[in-house]
Amino acid sequence: MNLKDTLPFLAGIAAASGIAVLVAAGPEHDSHGMDPVTTDEMNEMMEMSPEDMMAAMAKMSEPGEHHKELGEMVGNWHAKTSFIMDPSAPPMEGEGEMSVKWILGGRFLQSNFKMDFMGQPFEGLSFMGYDNAHGEYVSTWMDSMTTKITYMTGEKEDGALVMHGISTTPMGDNPMKIVTTSNEDGTVTDKFYDQMPDGTWMNSGTIVYTRK
């Protein structure tokens, strides 16, 4: 299997931490993916007292209910992976381990993922949290087989966490998403989707996490 064949797998594993994906692009954002401050908002901030400004910053910076929900992923997990490399062939299956812990005062989760891939050790590192200022989940992913940082953002939809991002391949960039659900038996499932040229989504893989 060549590098081109491994890219869908790597894009999928890129959520192995919880799970991840993201790009906040669009005309309503600046070059950094952030909403620009309007004149009215700037005037309102200028009228705030230092005490009110500090109180507002403290409220925006404190972990809340969204962070509490993310905390359910803290711990050690066994992962069963299944990714489609070739639609005409059986999925490539594997097993790995993931450890998740809080960092920075309970504001972000750090996830470390390890497995053997094509006979070689594979490691991934992810950070995930909830951005109070923009009202969305945020995530980054790095691994030992690429030089790219994958950024992801998302929100809850019908009880599932849906994260959107961009998968980069030699053919170019392509939208992807990961849908994470907590199951009644205590497992957690990530389902990975790639967007097709007609706008539909094709399932490209699955990871099932079982707490150790």
C-alpha atoms as a PDB file:
ATOM      1  CA  MET A   1       0.000   0.000   0.000  1.00  0.00           C
ATOM      2  CA  ASN A   2       1.443   3.387  -0.954  1.00  0.00           C
ATOM      3  CA  LEU A   3       1.145   6.759   0.760  1.00  0.00           C
ATOM      4  CA  LYS A   4      -1.864   7.741  -1.333  1.00  0.00           C
ATOM      5  CA  ASP A   5      -3.721   4.695  -0.020  1.00  0.00           C
ATOM      6  CA  THR A   6      -2.913   5.521   3.602  1.00  0.00           C
ATOM      7  CA  LEU A   7      -4.324   9.051   3.546  1.00  0.00           C
ATOM      8  CA  PRO A   8      -7.985   8.136   4.125  1.00  0.00           C
ATOM      9  CA  PHE A   9      -6.856   6.057   7.084  1.00  0.00           C
ATOM     10  CA  LEU A  10      -4.804   8.890   8.535  1.00  0.00           C
ATOM     11  CA  ALA A  11      -7.631  11.357   8.047  1.00  0.00           C
ATOM     12  CA  GLY A  12      -9.864   8.981   9.939  1.00  0.00           C
ATOM     13  CA  ILE A  13      -7.455   8.294  12.768  1.00  0.00           C
ATOM     14  CA  ALA A  14      -7.172  12.042  13.079  1.00  0.00           C
ATOM     15  CA  ALA A  15     -10.109  11.877  15.357  1.00  0.00           C
ATOM     16  CA  ALA A  16      -8.933   9.048  17.443  1.00  0.00           C
ATOM     17  CA  SER A  17      -8.722  11.359  20.392  1.00  0.00           C
ATOM     18  CA  GLY A  18     -12.180  12.387  20.695  1.00  0.00           C
ATOM     19  CA  ILE A  19     -12.734  12.816  18.000  1.00  0.00           C
ATOM     20  CA  ALA A  20     -12.315  15.604  15.999  1.00  0.00           C
ATOM     21  CA  VAL A  21     -12.337  17.958  12.722  1.00  0.00           C
ATOM     22  CA  LEU A  22     -12.394  21.678  11.636  1.00  0.00           C
ATOM     23  CA  VAL A  23     -12.237  24.700   9.560  1.00  0.00           C
ATOM     24  CA  ALA A  24     -14.047  27.908  10.338  1.00  0.00           C
ATOM     25  CA  ALA A  25     -13.785  29.468   6.908  1.00  0.00           C
ATOM     26  CA  GLY A  26     -16.238  31.704   5.126  1.00  0.00           C
ATOM     27  CA  PRO A  27     -16.851  35.351   4.312  1.00  0.00           C
ATOM     28  CA  GLU A  28     -18.147  36.019   7.812  1.00  0.00           C
ATOM     29  CA  HIS A  29     -14.744  35.147   9.317  1.00  0.00           C
ATOM     30  CA  ASP A  30     -11.347  36.772   9.117  1.00  0.00           C
ATOM     31  CA  SER A  31      -8.185  35.007   7.911  1.00  0.00           C
ATOM     32  CA  HIS A  32      -7.832  33.292  11.276  1.00  0.00           C
ATOM     33  CA  GLY A  33     -11.352  31.904  11.281  1.00  0.00           C
ATOM     34  CA  MET A  34     -12.641  34.412  13.837  1.00  0.00           C
ATOM     35  CA  ASP A  35     -15.611  36.764  13.666  1.00  0.00           C
ATOM     36  CA  PRO A  36     -14.430  40.381  13.288  1.00  0.00           C
ATOM     37  CA  VAL A  37     -15.496  42.829  16.006  1.00  0.00           C
ATOM     38  CA  THR A  38     -18.166  45.256  14.798  1.00  0.00           C
ATOM     39  CA  THR A  39     -18.092  48.982  15.525  1.00  0.00           C
ATOM     40  CA  ASP A  40     -21.007  48.659  17.963  1.00  0.00           C
ATOM     41  CA  GLU A  41     -19.263  45.837  19.802  1.00  0.00           C
ATOM     42  CA  MET A  42     -16.058  47.860  20.000  1.00  0.00           C
ATOM     43  CA  ASN A  43     -17.934  50.869  21.386  1.00  0.00           C
ATOM     44  CA  GLU A  44     -19.638  48.646  23.950  1.00  0.00           C
ATOM     45  CA  MET A  45     -16.300  47.273  25.094  1.00  0.00           C
ATOM     46  CA  MET A  46     -14.830  50.777  25.343  1.00  0.00           C
ATOM     47  CA  GLU A  47     -17.675  51.786  27.666  1.00  0.00           C
ATOM     48  CA  MET A  48     -17.100  48.850  30.037  1.00  0.00           C
ATOM     49  CA  SER A  49     -15.325  49.486  33.313  1.00  0.00           C
ATOM     50  CA  PRO A  50     -12.106  47.546  34.004  1.00  0.00           C
ATOM     51  CA  GLU A  51     -14.008  45.518  36.594  1.00  0.00           C
ATOM     52  CA  ASP A  52     -16.786  44.632  34.147  1.00  0.00           C
ATOM     53  CA  MET A  53     -14.235  43.748  31.490  1.00  0.00           C
ATOM     54  CA  MET A  54     -12.379  41.438  33.883  1.00  0.00           C
ATOM     55  CA  ALA A  55     -15.654  39.804  34.933  1.00  0.00           C
ATOM     56  CA  ALA A  56     -16.639  39.232  31.304  1.00  0.00           C
ATOM     57  CA  MET A  57     -13.230  37.755  30.496  1.00  0.00           C
ATOM     58  CA  ALA A  58     -13.395  35.475  33.532  1.00  0.00           C
ATOM     59  CA  LYS A  59     -16.839  34.204  32.534  1.00  0.00           C
ATOM     60  CA  MET A  60     -15.676  33.532  28.982  1.00  0.00           C
ATOM     61  CA  SER A  61     -12.570  31.705  30.213  1.00  0.00           C
ATOM     62  CA  GLU A  62     -14.135  29.371  32.769  1.00  0.00           C
ATOM     63  CA  PRO A  63     -14.948  25.746  31.871  1.00  0.00           C
ATOM     64  CA  GLY A  64     -18.692  25.073  31.723  1.00  0.00           C
ATOM     65  CA  GLU A  65     -21.243  22.364  31.020  1.00  0.00           C
ATOM     66  CA  HIS A  66     -19.801  21.604  27.582  1.00  0.00           C
ATOM     67  CA  HIS A  67     -16.413  20.913  29.151  1.00  0.00           C
ATOM     68  CA  LYS A  68     -18.054  18.731  31.782  1.00  0.00           C
ATOM     69  CA  GLU A  69     -19.579  16.588  29.039  1.00  0.00           C
ATOM     70  CA  LEU A  70     -16.205  16.246  27.324  1.00  0.00           C
ATOM     71  CA  GLY A  71     -14.824  14.962  30.619  1.00  0.00           C
ATOM     72  CA  GLU A  72     -16.675  11.700  30.059  1.00  0.00           C
ATOM     73  CA  MET A  73     -13.829  10.744  27.710  1.00  0.00           C
ATOM     74  CA  VAL A  74     -11.132  11.005  30.399  1.00  0.00           C
ATOM     75  CA  GLY A  75      -9.444   7.661  31.006  1.00  0.00           C
ATOM     76  CA  ASN A  76      -7.863   4.793  29.094  1.00  0.00           C
ATOM     77  CA  TRP A  77      -9.540   3.203  26.089  1.00  0.00           C
ATOM     78  CA  HIS A  78      -9.105   0.256  23.746  1.00  0.00           C
ATOM     79  CA  ALA A  79      -9.847   1.170  20.126  1.00  0.00           C
ATOM     80  CA  LYS A  80     -11.020  -1.084  17.286  1.00  0.00           C
ATOM     81  CA  THR A  81     -10.523   0.603  13.925  1.00  0.00           C
ATOM     82  CA  SER A  82     -12.049  -0.171  10.541  1.00  0.00           C
ATOM     83  CA  PHE A  83     -11.297   1.983   7.488  1.00  0.00           C
ATOM     84  CA  ILE A  84     -12.141   1.638   3.825  1.00  0.00           C
ATOM     85  CA  MET A  85      -9.035   1.976   1.655  1.00  0.00           C
ATOM     86  CA  ASP A  86     -10.565   0.464  -1.468  1.00  0.00           C
ATOM     87  CA  PRO A  87     -14.360   0.244  -1.939  1.00  0.00           C
ATOM     88  CA  SER A  88     -13.882  -3.072  -3.749  1.00  0.00           C
ATOM     89  CA  ALA A  89     -11.891  -4.618  -0.876  1.00  0.00           C
ATOM     90  CA  PRO A  90     -12.703  -5.465   2.756  1.00  0.00           C
ATOM     91  CA  PRO A  91     -12.065  -2.681   5.299  1.00  0.00           C
ATOM     92  CA  MET A  92      -8.629  -2.483   6.907  1.00  0.00           C
ATOM     93  CA  GLU A  93      -9.079  -3.361  10.574  1.00  0.00           C
ATOM     94  CA  GLY A  94      -6.777  -2.742  13.502  1.00  0.00           C
ATOM     95  CA  GLU A  95      -6.559  -2.152  17.233  1.00  0.00           C
ATOM     96  CA  GLY A  96      -5.037   0.621  19.274  1.00  0.00           C
ATOM     97  CA  GLU A  97      -4.946   2.323  22.652  1.00  0.00           C
ATOM     98  CA  MET A  98      -5.961   5.826  23.661  1.00  0.00           C
ATOM     99  CA  SER A  99      -5.384   7.744  26.889  1.00  0.00           C
ATOM    100  CA  VAL A 100      -7.279  10.963  27.617  1.00  0.00           C
ATOM    101  CA  LYS A 101      -6.616  13.520  30.362  1.00  0.00           C
ATOM    102  CA  TRP A 102      -7.519  17.080  31.283  1.00  0.00           C
ATOM    103  CA  ILE A 103      -4.947  19.863  30.861  1.00  0.00           C
ATOM    104  CA  LEU A 104      -4.891  23.609  31.552  1.00  0.00           C
ATOM    105  CA  GLY A 105      -7.333  23.545  34.427  1.00  0.00           C
ATOM    106  CA  GLY A 106      -9.984  21.400  32.787  1.00  0.00           C
ATOM    107  CA  ARG A 107     -10.206  23.538  29.659  1.00  0.00           C
ATOM    108  CA  PHE A 108      -8.842  21.054  27.131  1.00  0.00           C
ATOM    109  CA  LEU A 109      -8.544  17.310  26.720  1.00  0.00           C
ATOM    110  CA  GLN A 110      -5.204  15.854  25.662  1.00  0.00           C
ATOM    111  CA  SER A 111      -5.494  12.506  23.903  1.00  0.00           C
ATOM    112  CA  ASN A 112      -2.616  10.204  23.025  1.00  0.00           C
ATOM    113  CA  PHE A 113      -3.321   7.452  20.497  1.00  0.00           C
ATOM    114  CA  LYS A 114      -1.043   4.508  19.641  1.00  0.00           C
ATOM    115  CA  MET A 115      -1.314   1.524  17.312  1.00  0.00           C
ATOM    116  CA  ASP A 116       0.637  -0.484  14.753  1.00  0.00           C
ATOM    117  CA  PHE A 117      -0.090   0.510  11.170  1.00  0.00           C
ATOM    118  CA  MET A 118       1.327  -1.462   8.248  1.00  0.00           C
ATOM    119  CA  GLY A 119       3.909  -2.974  10.590  1.00  0.00           C
ATOM    120  CA  GLN A 120       5.063   0.400  11.892  1.00  0.00           C
ATOM    121  CA  PRO A 121       4.305   2.160  15.187  1.00  0.00           C
ATOM    122  CA  PHE A 122       1.808   4.979  14.766  1.00  0.00           C
ATOM    123  CA  GLU A 123       1.227   7.772  17.285  1.00  0.00           C
ATOM    124  CA  GLY A 124      -1.264  10.609  17.325  1.00  0.00           C
ATOM    125  CA  LEU A 125      -1.775  13.592  19.611  1.00  0.00           C
ATOM    126  CA  SER A 126      -4.982  15.596  19.917  1.00  0.00           C
ATOM    127  CA  PHE A 127      -6.245  18.550  21.915  1.00  0.00           C
ATOM    128  CA  MET A 128      -9.955  19.219  22.221  1.00  0.00           C
ATOM    129  CA  GLY A 129     -12.146  21.708  24.044  1.00  0.00           C
ATOM    130  CA  TYR A 130     -15.145  23.993  23.833  1.00  0.00           C
ATOM    131  CA  ASP A 131     -14.671  27.609  22.758  1.00  0.00           C
ATOM    132  CA  ASN A 132     -17.002  29.671  24.948  1.00  0.00           C
ATOM    133  CA  ALA A 133     -16.408  32.814  22.890  1.00  0.00           C
ATOM    134  CA  HIS A 134     -17.510  31.287  19.587  1.00  0.00           C
ATOM    135  CA  GLY A 135     -19.893  28.652  20.952  1.00  0.00           C
ATOM    136  CA  GLU A 136     -18.332  25.635  19.259  1.00  0.00           C
ATOM    137  CA  TYR A 137     -16.217  22.562  19.940  1.00  0.00           C
ATOM    138  CA  VAL A 138     -12.619  22.834  18.728  1.00  0.00           C
ATOM    139  CA  SER A 139      -9.937  20.239  18.100  1.00  0.00           C
ATOM    140  CA  THR A 140      -6.443  19.762  16.696  1.00  0.00           C
ATOM    141  CA  TRP A 141      -4.693  16.571  15.568  1.00  0.00           C
ATOM    142  CA  MET A 142      -1.041  15.713  14.832  1.00  0.00           C
ATOM    143  CA  ASP A 143       0.539  12.337  14.160  1.00  0.00           C
ATOM    144  CA  SER A 144       3.799  10.542  13.408  1.00  0.00           C
ATOM    145  CA  MET A 145       3.040   9.974   9.707  1.00  0.00           C
ATOM    146  CA  THR A 146       2.240  13.499   8.512  1.00  0.00           C
ATOM    147  CA  THR A 147       3.566  17.042   8.893  1.00  0.00           C
ATOM    148  CA  LYS A 148       0.116  18.632   8.994  1.00  0.00           C
ATOM    149  CA  ILE A 149      -1.964  19.879  11.908  1.00  0.00           C
ATOM    150  CA  THR A 150      -5.634  19.121  11.327  1.00  0.00           C
ATOM    151  CA  TYR A 151      -8.037  21.681  12.778  1.00  0.00           C
ATOM    152  CA  MET A 152     -11.681  20.868  13.460  1.00  0.00           C
ATOM    153  CA  THR A 153     -14.823  22.566  14.801  1.00  0.00           C
ATOM    154  CA  GLY A 154     -18.298  21.270  15.487  1.00  0.00           C
ATOM    155  CA  GLU A 155     -21.460  21.155  17.560  1.00  0.00           C
ATOM    156  CA  LYS A 156     -24.000  18.739  18.993  1.00  0.00           C
ATOM    157  CA  GLU A 157     -26.652  17.461  16.578  1.00  0.00           C
ATOM    158  CA  ASP A 158     -29.390  15.108  17.819  1.00  0.00           C
ATOM    159  CA  GLY A 159     -27.239  14.024  20.749  1.00  0.00           C
ATOM    160  CA  ALA A 160     -24.135  13.316  18.657  1.00  0.00           C
ATOM    161  CA  LEU A 161     -21.018  15.459  18.377  1.00  0.00           C
ATOM    162  CA  VAL A 162     -20.467  16.369  14.715  1.00  0.00           C
ATOM    163  CA  MET A 163     -17.049  17.786  13.849  1.00  0.00           C
ATOM    164  CA  HIS A 164     -16.138  19.195  10.443  1.00  0.00           C
ATOM    165  CA  GLY A 165     -12.718  19.625   8.887  1.00  0.00           C
ATOM    166  CA  ILE A 166     -10.579  19.233   5.799  1.00  0.00           C
ATOM    167  CA  SER A 167      -8.797  16.090   4.640  1.00  0.00           C
ATOM    168  CA  THR A 168      -5.620  16.826   2.676  1.00  0.00           C
ATOM    169  CA  THR A 169      -4.471  14.398  -0.025  1.00  0.00           C
ATOM    170  CA  PRO A 170      -2.111  14.633  -3.036  1.00  0.00           C
ATOM    171  CA  MET A 171      -5.243  15.308  -5.097  1.00  0.00           C
ATOM    172  CA  GLY A 172      -6.189  18.321  -2.979  1.00  0.00           C
ATOM    173  CA  ASP A 173      -8.311  19.233   0.033  1.00  0.00           C
ATOM    174  CA  ASN A 174     -11.687  17.640   0.675  1.00  0.00           C
ATOM    175  CA  PRO A 175     -14.350  18.241   3.357  1.00  0.00           C
ATOM    176  CA  MET A 176     -14.726  15.523   5.975  1.00  0.00           C
ATOM    177  CA  LYS A 177     -16.714  15.045   9.156  1.00  0.00           C
ATOM    178  CA  ILE A 178     -16.685  12.794  12.194  1.00  0.00           C
ATOM    179  CA  VAL A 179     -19.837  11.877  14.097  1.00  0.00           C
ATOM    180  CA  THR A 180     -19.250  10.757  17.692  1.00  0.00           C
ATOM    181  CA  THR A 181     -21.925   8.980  19.718  1.00  0.00           C
ATOM    182  CA  SER A 182     -21.966   7.560  23.245  1.00  0.00           C
ATOM    183  CA  ASN A 183     -23.625   4.150  23.335  1.00  0.00           C
ATOM    184  CA  GLU A 184     -25.782   2.557  26.030  1.00  0.00           C
ATOM    185  CA  ASP A 185     -23.176  -0.151  26.650  1.00  0.00           C
ATOM    186  CA  GLY A 186     -20.566   2.454  27.599  1.00  0.00           C
ATOM    187  CA  THR A 187     -18.651   2.367  24.328  1.00  0.00           C
ATOM    188  CA  VAL A 188     -18.048   5.417  22.155  1.00  0.00           C
ATOM    189  CA  THR A 189     -18.241   5.304  18.354  1.00  0.00           C
ATOM    190  CA  ASP A 190     -16.619   7.587  15.803  1.00  0.00           C
ATOM    191  CA  LYS A 191     -17.943   7.399  12.256  1.00  0.00           C
ATOM    192  CA  PHE A 192     -15.916   9.102   9.531  1.00  0.00           C
ATOM    193  CA  TYR A 193     -17.343  10.588   6.355  1.00  0.00           C
ATOM    194  CA  ASP A 194     -15.838  12.093   3.206  1.00  0.00           C
ATOM    195  CA  GLN A 195     -17.844  14.507   1.082  1.00  0.00           C
ATOM    196  CA  MET A 196     -18.438  13.383  -2.490  1.00  0.00           C
ATOM    197  CA  PRO A 197     -18.430  15.731  -5.533  1.00  0.00           C
ATOM    198  CA  ASP A 198     -22.247  15.734  -5.523  1.00  0.00           C
ATOM    199  CA  GLY A 199     -22.304  16.944  -1.907  1.00  0.00           C
ATOM    200  CA  THR A 200     -23.320  13.631  -0.321  1.00  0.00           C
ATOM    201  CA  TRP A 201     -21.332  11.994   2.473  1.00  0.00           C
ATOM    202  CA  MET A 202     -19.689   8.573   2.187  1.00  0.00           C
ATOM    203  CA  ASN A 203     -18.779   6.581   5.286  1.00  0.00           C
ATOM    204  CA  SER A 204     -15.033   5.920   5.160  1.00  0.00           C
ATOM    205  CA  GLY A 205     -14.384   4.335   8.527  1.00  0.00           C
ATOM    206  CA  THR A 206     -15.333   3.611  12.117  1.00  0.00           C
ATOM    207  CA  ILE A 207     -13.565   3.514  15.473  1.00  0.00           C
ATOM    208  CA  VAL A 208     -15.202   1.921  18.513  1.00  0.00           C
ATOM    209  CA  TYR A 209     -13.711   2.793  21.913  1.00  0.00           C
ATOM    210  CA  THR A 210     -14.151   0.514  24.924  1.00  0.00           C
ATOM    211  CA  ARG A 211     -13.066   1.741  28.343  1.00  0.00           C
ATOM    212  CA  LYS A 212     -10.268  -0.341  29.867  1.00  0.00           C
END
